[in-house]
Protein backbone atom coordinates (compact mmCIF):
# COMPACT_ATOMS: atom_id res chain seq x y z
CA MET A 1 0.00 0.00 0.00
CA PRO A 2 1.52 3.37 -0.99
CA HIS A 3 2.81 5.71 1.70
CA PHE A 4 1.42 9.15 0.86
CA ALA A 5 3.03 12.45 1.82
CA ALA A 6 0.93 15.61 1.94
CA ASN A 7 2.51 18.47 0.04
CA LEU A 8 2.16 21.34 2.51
CA THR A 9 2.89 24.00 -0.10
CA LEU A 10 -0.34 23.11 -1.91
CA LEU A 11 -2.51 21.27 0.62
CA PHE A 12 -4.10 22.65 3.80
CA ASN A 13 -3.79 26.23 2.61
CA GLU A 14 -6.74 27.03 4.86
CA VAL A 15 -4.21 27.57 7.67
CA PRO A 16 -0.73 29.17 7.88
CA PHE A 17 2.18 27.03 6.73
CA LEU A 18 3.48 25.99 10.15
CA ASP A 19 -0.02 24.89 11.18
CA ARG A 20 -0.34 22.61 8.17
CA PHE A 21 1.78 19.92 9.83
CA GLU A 22 -0.89 19.41 12.46
CA ALA A 23 -3.66 19.61 9.86
CA ALA A 24 -1.99 16.90 7.77
CA ALA A 25 -1.55 14.62 10.76
CA LYS A 26 -5.19 15.05 11.79
CA ALA A 27 -6.25 14.12 8.25
CA GLY A 28 -4.36 10.82 8.50
CA PHE A 29 -1.08 11.64 6.76
CA THR A 30 2.06 10.25 8.38
CA ALA A 31 4.48 12.02 6.02
CA VAL A 32 4.76 15.44 4.42
CA GLU A 33 6.72 17.22 1.72
CA PHE A 34 6.83 20.84 0.56
CA LEU A 35 8.68 22.99 -1.93
CA PHE A 36 10.85 25.14 0.32
CA PRO A 37 11.33 25.53 4.10
CA TYR A 38 13.82 28.38 4.00
CA ALA A 39 11.48 31.20 5.04
CA PHE A 40 10.98 29.51 8.43
CA PRO A 41 13.34 28.77 11.35
CA VAL A 42 14.98 25.40 10.92
CA ASP A 43 14.31 24.33 14.51
CA GLU A 44 10.62 25.18 14.18
CA ILE A 45 10.22 22.97 11.11
CA GLY A 46 11.82 20.07 12.96
CA LYS A 47 9.62 20.66 16.01
CA ARG A 48 6.40 20.65 13.98
CA LEU A 49 7.38 17.33 12.43
CA ARG A 50 8.19 15.72 15.78
CA ASP A 51 5.16 17.13 17.57
CA ASN A 52 2.87 15.62 14.95
CA GLY A 53 4.65 12.31 14.44
CA LEU A 54 5.40 13.08 10.79
CA THR A 55 8.18 11.96 8.47
CA GLN A 56 9.69 14.49 6.07
CA ALA A 57 9.62 12.84 2.64
CA LEU A 58 11.15 15.54 0.44
CA PHE A 59 11.83 19.18 -0.13
CA ASN A 60 13.59 21.22 -2.81
CA LEU A 61 17.02 22.74 -2.70
CA PRO A 62 17.00 26.56 -2.87
CA PRO A 63 15.92 27.67 -6.38
CA GLY A 64 17.24 31.22 -6.43
CA ASN A 65 14.76 34.07 -6.65
CA TRP A 66 11.54 32.08 -7.03
CA ASP A 67 9.33 35.18 -7.08
CA ALA A 68 11.36 36.53 -9.99
CA GLY A 69 10.89 33.28 -11.91
CA GLU A 70 14.13 31.45 -11.13
CA LYS A 71 13.81 27.66 -11.01
CA GLY A 72 17.22 26.54 -9.81
CA PHE A 73 20.81 26.82 -11.05
CA ALA A 74 22.02 23.36 -12.02
CA ALA A 75 22.12 23.98 -15.78
CA LEU A 76 23.37 27.57 -15.54
CA PRO A 77 27.18 27.69 -15.93
CA GLU A 78 27.47 31.18 -14.45
CA ARG A 79 25.58 30.17 -11.28
CA PHE A 80 27.73 27.29 -10.06
CA ASP A 81 28.80 29.21 -6.95
CA ASP A 82 25.13 29.81 -6.15
CA LEU A 83 24.50 26.11 -6.61
CA LYS A 84 27.24 25.21 -4.14
CA GLN A 85 25.95 27.75 -1.61
CA SER A 86 22.40 26.39 -1.94
CA LEU A 87 23.57 22.99 -0.73
CA VAL A 88 25.10 24.56 2.38
CA ILE A 89 21.86 26.45 3.06
CA ALA A 90 19.77 23.29 2.72
CA LEU A 91 21.90 21.04 4.90
CA PRO A 92 20.72 22.28 8.33
CA TYR A 93 17.10 21.84 7.23
CA ALA A 94 17.85 18.34 6.00
CA GLN A 95 19.49 17.45 9.31
CA ALA A 96 16.71 18.98 11.40
CA THR A 97 13.96 17.21 9.47
CA GLY A 98 15.73 13.90 8.89
CA VAL A 99 14.77 14.05 5.21
CA LYS A 100 16.41 11.42 3.00
CA ARG A 101 15.90 13.00 -0.42
CA LEU A 102 16.29 16.51 -1.82
CA HIS A 103 15.16 17.77 -5.22
CA LEU A 104 17.78 19.58 -7.30
CA MET A 105 16.18 21.97 -9.81
CA SER A 106 17.86 22.50 -13.17
CA GLY A 107 16.80 26.06 -13.94
CA LEU A 108 15.66 27.66 -17.19
CA ALA A 109 18.07 26.84 -20.00
CA ASP A 110 18.22 25.36 -23.49
CA ARG A 111 19.01 21.64 -23.43
CA GLY A 112 20.49 22.09 -26.89
CA ASP A 113 23.19 24.31 -25.39
CA ARG A 114 26.32 22.24 -24.75
CA ARG A 115 27.44 24.54 -21.93
CA ALA A 116 24.11 24.07 -20.14
CA VAL A 117 24.36 20.29 -20.44
CA GLU A 118 27.92 20.32 -19.11
CA ALA A 119 26.90 22.59 -16.24
CA PHE A 120 24.03 20.27 -15.38
CA TYR A 121 26.26 17.20 -15.23
CA LYS A 122 28.77 19.10 -13.09
CA SER A 123 26.13 20.43 -10.69
CA VAL A 124 24.34 17.09 -10.34
CA THR A 125 27.61 15.33 -9.54
CA TRP A 126 28.63 17.99 -7.04
CA ALA A 127 25.25 17.92 -5.26
CA ALA A 128 25.04 14.14 -5.05
CA GLU A 129 28.59 13.84 -3.73
CA PHE A 130 28.00 16.68 -1.23
CA PHE A 131 25.00 14.93 0.34
CA SER A 132 26.25 11.35 0.11
CA PRO A 133 28.09 11.38 3.49
CA TYR A 134 24.80 12.42 5.15
CA GLY A 135 22.83 9.50 3.69
CA ILE A 136 20.71 11.82 1.56
CA ASP A 137 19.63 11.13 -2.02
CA VAL A 138 19.51 13.86 -4.65
CA VAL A 139 16.53 13.48 -6.99
CA LEU A 140 16.02 14.94 -10.48
CA GLU A 141 12.49 15.79 -11.62
CA PRO A 142 11.55 16.50 -15.24
CA LEU A 143 8.89 19.23 -15.45
CA ASN A 144 6.40 19.60 -18.27
CA THR A 145 6.71 22.46 -20.72
CA ARG A 146 3.11 23.58 -20.27
CA ASN A 147 3.50 24.54 -16.62
CA THR A 148 7.19 25.46 -16.73
CA PRO A 149 8.23 26.71 -20.17
CA ASN A 150 11.96 26.71 -20.94
CA TYR A 151 12.81 24.39 -18.04
CA PHE A 152 16.05 22.58 -18.85
CA LEU A 153 15.06 19.16 -17.49
CA ASN A 154 11.89 18.50 -19.47
CA ASP A 155 12.39 14.90 -20.58
CA PHE A 156 12.21 11.69 -18.55
CA GLY A 157 14.47 9.84 -20.95
CA PHE A 158 17.20 12.45 -20.62
CA ALA A 159 16.94 12.35 -16.80
CA ARG A 160 17.20 8.55 -16.89
CA ASP A 161 20.27 8.74 -19.13
CA VAL A 162 22.02 11.21 -16.81
CA ILE A 163 21.38 9.03 -13.77
CA GLU A 164 22.47 5.84 -15.50
CA GLU A 165 25.56 7.45 -17.02
CA LEU A 166 26.81 9.05 -13.81
CA LYS A 167 26.21 5.90 -11.73
CA ILE A 168 26.22 7.82 -8.43
CA PRO A 169 24.46 5.63 -5.84
CA ASN A 170 22.50 8.46 -4.19
CA LEU A 171 21.31 10.03 -7.46
CA LYS A 172 17.70 9.11 -8.25
CA LEU A 173 14.71 10.06 -10.38
CA GLN A 174 11.75 12.00 -9.02
CA PHE A 175 8.87 10.56 -11.06
CA ASP A 176 5.96 13.00 -11.05
CA ILE A 177 3.11 11.16 -12.77
CA TYR A 178 1.38 14.43 -13.66
CA HIS A 179 4.44 15.72 -15.51
CA CYS A 180 5.13 12.38 -17.17
CA GLN A 181 1.62 12.06 -18.57
CA ILE A 182 1.74 15.55 -20.06
CA LEU A 183 5.24 15.13 -21.50
CA HIS A 184 5.14 11.54 -22.72
CA GLY A 185 2.05 9.53 -21.71
CA ASP A 186 2.43 5.75 -21.30
CA VAL A 187 2.93 6.22 -17.55
CA THR A 188 2.65 2.57 -16.51
CA MET A 189 5.31 1.35 -18.92
CA ARG A 190 7.62 4.18 -17.92
CA LEU A 191 7.16 3.32 -14.25
CA ARG A 192 8.04 -0.28 -15.01
CA GLU A 193 11.11 0.72 -17.00
CA MET A 194 12.42 3.35 -14.58
CA MET A 195 11.50 1.83 -11.22
CA PRO A 196 15.12 0.79 -10.45
CA ILE A 197 16.20 4.45 -10.41
CA ILE A 198 13.07 6.06 -8.91
CA GLY A 199 13.58 7.72 -5.52
CA HIS A 200 10.28 9.60 -5.17
CA ILE A 201 6.88 9.73 -6.86
CA GLN A 202 4.30 12.53 -7.02
CA ILE A 203 0.69 12.58 -8.17
CA ALA A 204 -2.14 14.84 -9.36
CA SER A 205 -5.02 14.52 -11.78
CA ILE A 206 -4.42 15.30 -15.42
CA PRO A 207 -5.00 17.83 -16.91
CA SER A 208 -6.37 19.96 -14.03
CA ARG A 209 -3.78 19.07 -11.33
CA HIS A 210 -6.49 18.50 -8.74
CA GLU A 211 -7.17 15.48 -6.51
CA PRO A 212 -6.07 12.17 -8.08
CA ASP A 213 -9.60 10.82 -8.32
CA ASP A 214 -10.73 11.30 -11.93
CA GLU A 215 -9.79 12.67 -15.38
CA GLU A 216 -7.21 10.94 -17.60
CA LEU A 217 -5.58 8.38 -15.31
CA ASN A 218 -6.84 5.44 -13.29
CA TYR A 219 -4.98 6.11 -10.06
CA PRO A 220 -6.24 3.06 -8.12
CA PHE A 221 -4.67 0.95 -10.88
CA LEU A 222 -1.42 2.93 -10.66
CA PHE A 223 -1.30 2.62 -6.86
CA ALA A 224 -1.72 -1.14 -7.19
CA GLU A 225 0.98 -1.13 -9.87
CA LEU A 226 3.40 0.57 -7.48
CA ASP A 227 2.77 -2.28 -5.04
CA ARG A 228 3.28 -4.85 -7.79
CA LEU A 229 6.57 -3.18 -8.68
CA GLY A 230 7.69 -3.25 -5.06
CA TYR A 231 7.96 0.52 -4.67
CA ALA A 232 8.69 1.26 -1.01
CA GLY A 233 9.18 5.03 -1.19
CA PHE A 234 6.84 7.95 -0.69
CA VAL A 235 4.10 9.20 -3.00
CA GLY A 236 3.85 12.98 -2.73
CA CYS A 237 0.41 14.55 -3.07
CA GLU A 238 1.40 17.60 -5.09
CA TYR A 239 -1.98 18.80 -6.30
CA ASN A 240 -4.23 21.84 -6.01
CA PRO A 241 -7.38 20.99 -4.04
CA ARG A 242 -10.64 21.89 -5.75
CA GLY A 243 -11.87 23.41 -2.50
CA LYS A 244 -11.14 22.79 1.16
CA THR A 245 -8.39 20.19 1.39
CA THR A 246 -10.22 17.83 3.74
CA ASP A 247 -13.33 17.87 1.53
CA GLY A 248 -11.30 16.29 -1.28
CA LEU A 249 -9.67 13.42 0.62
CA ALA A 250 -12.16 10.66 -0.16
CA TRP A 251 -9.57 9.12 -2.50
CA PHE A 252 -7.03 9.07 0.37
CA ASN A 253 -9.22 7.60 3.14
CA PRO A 254 -8.37 3.94 2.37
CA TYR A 255 -4.67 4.77 2.78
CA ALA A 256 -4.81 7.05 5.85
CA GLY A 257 -2.39 6.21 8.64
CA VAL A 258 -0.05 4.07 6.50
CA LYS A 259 3.59 4.28 7.64
CA ARG A 260 6.87 2.91 6.33
């Protein structure tokens, strides 16, 4: 049975961010993820997790100026120093939360640009080797071009090739089913092919990015497929609720309280 993590950036927006930990626990989640913790004191994030018996499944490394449209540095040759500093910034949050996987964002760049590709390989290697002594995986997530135009990492096959070529043990794929369906389709076969390198999975309905309970994909089938494939990681609920978060959790009720 999948172990679901509530994405606190998108879910439980009825309350302030730090109160969403308690809201998620009350709704039956035993794990959480979010985009970024850096606006909040590191000790407070850790305390909210412990107080509510929650596991931190994932968060993103610093992306740069998010409000100005930056989406990471990994493929930007001129931002390698910023990339290195972002790892140092994230480390105390990783240690305080006990998280075992961090998402490295590529940034906005042309994948046809050789310098961008070289920068990406360099940054990915540096990040994975930086976090390896701490037992933390670095995950790479392809994003679809509809929601994030000009994003460098916009192809699951390319992400797979990078991971398989570099052969770094703590470098994994973040398989967002929503992004995969929009980019490529054929989600089940891609899950089967890429399962050996998958470190995290995320879900949402397609095309609306709401609760995973209707539209294009049969999520109960996919959840059962994850069990058949032996996936033991987290499934992040990275969707926009149609209304109040708790009113849209009928799909989740059979899985509430599951722990790994």
